[in-house]
Amino acid sequence: MQITLVRPEAAHRQQALAFRQAFFDCGETVINGSELLDQTEDYAQWLDAVTRNTDPETVSPDWVVTDTFFAEDESGRIVGIIDLRHTLNGFLRDFGHCGYSVLPSARRQGYATEMLRQITEIARAAGMPSLQLSVERDNLPSVRTIIKNGGVYERSFAFGGEQADVYRIML
């Protein structure tokens, strides 16, 4: 299993919208790490926002500099999405530097583990000393993914009536 992290482009439109729809078809309305792709009908608008958020000069005033990547498999199919937030604001203090989701039909194949491994390399190259990630306590596949990448439990918090745990990966 090999994946490549690629920045979203206009050419991804059809595939990105199909990726989004696959979550909805499974009854999932949240796509973690997607920079609100799950809440956007207009791909061009989403792409513009994601692109602007990569630059400190153009990042949305209510957001932080963020790199977003699609994970493509060997055939070029989008199997996941992951983001890297370079800093944390007050809202992100509990949620962390990174969110990710894997296409429902592609889960349990190691994609999330590899996506997170690759994002740690990008974060290290950007000079970040560590990554903080949060996960709902009952999301055991994501907990395992974080631990496989060196995540160490730090603390817990409650959000929306759910317990979540914060892990740190030292880079």
Protein backbone atom coordinates (compact mmCIF):
# COMPACT_ATOMS: atom_id res chain seq x y z
CA MET A 1 0.00 0.00 0.00
CA GLN A 2 1.42 3.30 -1.11
CA ILE A 3 -0.09 6.75 -0.92
CA THR A 4 0.98 10.20 -1.96
CA LEU A 5 -0.15 13.37 -0.23
CA VAL A 6 -1.12 15.99 -2.80
CA ARG A 7 -2.49 19.48 -2.48
CA PRO A 8 -6.05 19.92 -3.74
CA GLU A 9 -6.34 21.29 -7.26
CA ALA A 10 -9.18 22.18 -9.62
CA ALA A 11 -8.60 18.86 -11.41
CA HIS A 12 -9.67 17.00 -8.24
CA ARG A 13 -13.18 18.48 -8.30
CA GLN A 14 -15.15 15.42 -9.49
CA GLN A 15 -13.21 12.97 -7.38
CA ALA A 16 -13.31 15.22 -4.29
CA LEU A 17 -17.08 15.60 -4.52
CA ALA A 18 -17.46 11.82 -4.92
CA PHE A 19 -15.16 11.35 -1.90
CA ARG A 20 -17.40 13.71 0.09
CA GLN A 21 -20.56 11.95 -1.06
CA ALA A 22 -19.18 8.56 0.00
CA PHE A 23 -19.16 9.77 3.62
CA PHE A 24 -22.70 11.10 3.35
CA ASP A 25 -23.86 7.83 1.77
CA CYS A 26 -22.59 6.04 4.90
CA GLY A 27 -24.45 8.43 7.19
CA GLU A 28 -21.33 10.36 8.17
CA THR A 29 -21.74 14.13 8.08
CA VAL A 30 -18.31 15.14 9.41
CA ILE A 31 -15.11 14.66 7.44
CA ASN A 32 -12.27 15.38 9.86
CA GLY A 33 -9.27 17.17 8.40
CA SER A 34 -11.22 18.34 5.36
CA GLU A 35 -11.20 22.06 6.08
CA LEU A 36 -15.01 22.06 5.88
CA LEU A 37 -15.34 20.13 2.61
CA ASP A 38 -18.23 18.41 4.39
CA GLN A 39 -20.01 21.77 4.73
CA THR A 40 -19.30 23.19 1.28
CA GLU A 41 -21.36 22.72 -1.86
CA ASP A 42 -19.02 24.72 -4.11
CA TYR A 43 -15.68 22.96 -4.69
CA ALA A 44 -14.10 26.04 -6.31
CA GLN A 45 -14.95 28.13 -3.23
CA TRP A 46 -13.55 25.44 -0.93
CA LEU A 47 -10.38 25.16 -3.01
CA ASP A 48 -9.90 28.93 -2.89
CA ALA A 49 -10.26 28.97 0.92
CA VAL A 50 -7.93 25.99 1.38
CA THR A 51 -5.34 27.61 -0.89
CA ARG A 52 -5.58 30.99 0.89
CA ASN A 53 -5.20 29.29 4.28
CA THR A 54 -1.74 27.97 3.36
CA ASP A 55 -0.26 31.48 3.43
CA PRO A 56 0.13 33.75 6.49
CA GLU A 57 -0.67 36.74 4.26
CA THR A 58 -4.03 35.37 3.06
CA VAL A 59 -5.18 33.01 5.81
CA SER A 60 -8.74 33.65 6.99
CA PRO A 61 -8.68 35.96 10.04
CA ASP A 62 -10.57 33.39 12.12
CA TRP A 63 -8.28 30.49 11.18
CA VAL A 64 -4.61 29.46 11.30
CA VAL A 65 -2.12 28.63 8.56
CA THR A 66 -3.12 25.15 7.41
CA ASP A 67 -1.89 22.75 4.75
CA THR A 68 -4.53 20.36 3.42
CA PHE A 69 -3.73 17.26 1.41
CA PHE A 70 -5.63 14.55 -0.37
CA ALA A 71 -4.14 11.09 0.03
CA GLU A 72 -4.04 9.31 -3.33
CA ASP A 73 -3.42 5.61 -3.74
CA GLU A 74 -1.24 4.10 -6.50
CA SER A 75 -4.03 4.53 -9.06
CA GLY A 76 -4.58 8.22 -8.21
CA ARG A 77 -7.83 7.58 -6.34
CA ILE A 78 -8.47 9.86 -3.35
CA VAL A 79 -8.58 7.57 -0.31
CA GLY A 80 -8.19 10.17 2.42
CA ILE A 81 -7.78 13.77 3.46
CA ILE A 82 -5.52 15.26 6.13
CA ASP A 83 -4.67 18.73 7.31
CA LEU A 84 -1.78 20.25 9.22
CA ARG A 85 -2.43 23.35 11.31
CA HIS A 86 0.88 25.09 11.93
CA THR A 87 -0.30 26.80 15.13
CA LEU A 88 -3.22 26.48 17.51
CA ASN A 89 -5.66 29.25 18.34
CA GLY A 90 -8.10 29.23 21.28
CA PHE A 91 -10.65 27.13 19.40
CA LEU A 92 -8.05 24.55 18.34
CA ARG A 93 -6.38 24.29 21.75
CA ASP A 94 -8.11 20.99 22.46
CA PHE A 95 -8.46 19.77 18.88
CA GLY A 96 -4.84 19.97 17.82
CA HIS A 97 -2.64 20.33 14.78
CA CYS A 98 -4.05 17.63 12.58
CA GLY A 99 -7.27 16.01 11.49
CA TYR A 100 -7.76 13.21 9.00
CA SER A 101 -10.38 10.97 7.44
CA VAL A 102 -10.22 7.90 5.26
CA LEU A 103 -12.79 6.99 2.61
CA PRO A 104 -15.25 4.60 4.32
CA SER A 105 -14.59 1.84 1.77
CA ALA A 106 -10.81 2.17 2.23
CA ARG A 107 -10.63 1.90 6.02
CA ARG A 108 -8.63 -0.75 7.88
CA GLN A 109 -6.00 -0.88 5.15
CA GLY A 110 -3.31 1.27 6.82
CA TYR A 111 -4.07 4.49 4.96
CA ALA A 112 -4.61 6.62 8.08
CA THR A 113 -1.39 5.38 9.66
CA GLU A 114 0.59 6.21 6.53
CA MET A 115 -1.14 9.59 6.08
CA LEU A 116 -0.23 10.57 9.63
CA ARG A 117 3.34 9.30 9.20
CA GLN A 118 3.76 11.46 6.11
CA ILE A 119 2.23 14.54 7.77
CA THR A 120 4.70 14.18 10.66
CA GLU A 121 7.52 14.46 8.10
CA ILE A 122 5.94 17.62 6.65
CA ALA A 123 5.53 19.08 10.15
CA ARG A 124 9.13 18.24 11.03
CA ALA A 125 10.34 19.93 7.83
CA ALA A 126 8.26 23.00 8.77
CA GLY A 127 10.15 23.20 12.07
CA MET A 128 7.30 22.10 14.32
CA PRO A 129 8.56 20.41 17.51
CA SER A 130 5.49 18.22 18.00
CA LEU A 131 1.98 17.46 16.83
CA GLN A 132 -0.99 17.51 19.16
CA LEU A 133 -3.96 15.38 18.10
CA SER A 134 -7.31 14.74 19.74
CA VAL A 135 -9.53 11.75 19.28
CA GLU A 136 -12.87 10.66 20.66
CA ARG A 137 -12.09 8.00 23.22
CA ASP A 138 -14.24 5.36 21.53
CA ASN A 139 -12.57 5.83 18.12
CA LEU A 140 -10.15 2.96 18.71
CA PRO A 141 -8.87 2.75 15.10
CA SER A 142 -7.76 6.40 15.28
CA VAL A 143 -6.26 5.91 18.74
CA ARG A 144 -4.20 3.00 17.32
CA THR A 145 -3.16 5.14 14.33
CA ILE A 146 -1.89 7.90 16.62
CA ILE A 147 -0.05 5.49 18.92
CA LYS A 148 1.58 3.71 15.94
CA ASN A 149 2.98 7.10 14.95
CA GLY A 150 4.47 7.73 18.40
CA GLY A 151 1.52 9.46 20.05
CA VAL A 152 1.58 9.63 23.83
CA TYR A 153 -1.53 10.35 25.89
CA GLU A 154 -1.50 13.80 27.55
CA ARG A 155 -4.97 14.63 28.83
CA SER A 156 -8.71 14.35 28.29
CA PHE A 157 -11.53 16.81 27.69
CA ALA A 158 -15.26 16.75 26.98
CA PHE A 159 -16.76 18.07 23.76
CA GLY A 160 -20.39 17.81 22.78
CA GLY A 161 -21.05 15.31 25.54
CA GLU A 162 -18.25 13.01 24.32
CA GLN A 163 -14.97 12.26 26.05
CA ALA A 164 -11.90 12.92 23.94
CA ASP A 165 -8.23 12.31 24.57
CA VAL A 166 -5.27 14.45 23.54
CA TYR A 167 -2.08 12.79 22.32
CA ARG A 168 1.28 14.32 21.40
CA ILE A 169 3.73 13.09 18.79
CA MET A 170 7.22 14.49 19.34
CA LEU A 171 8.97 15.31 16.09
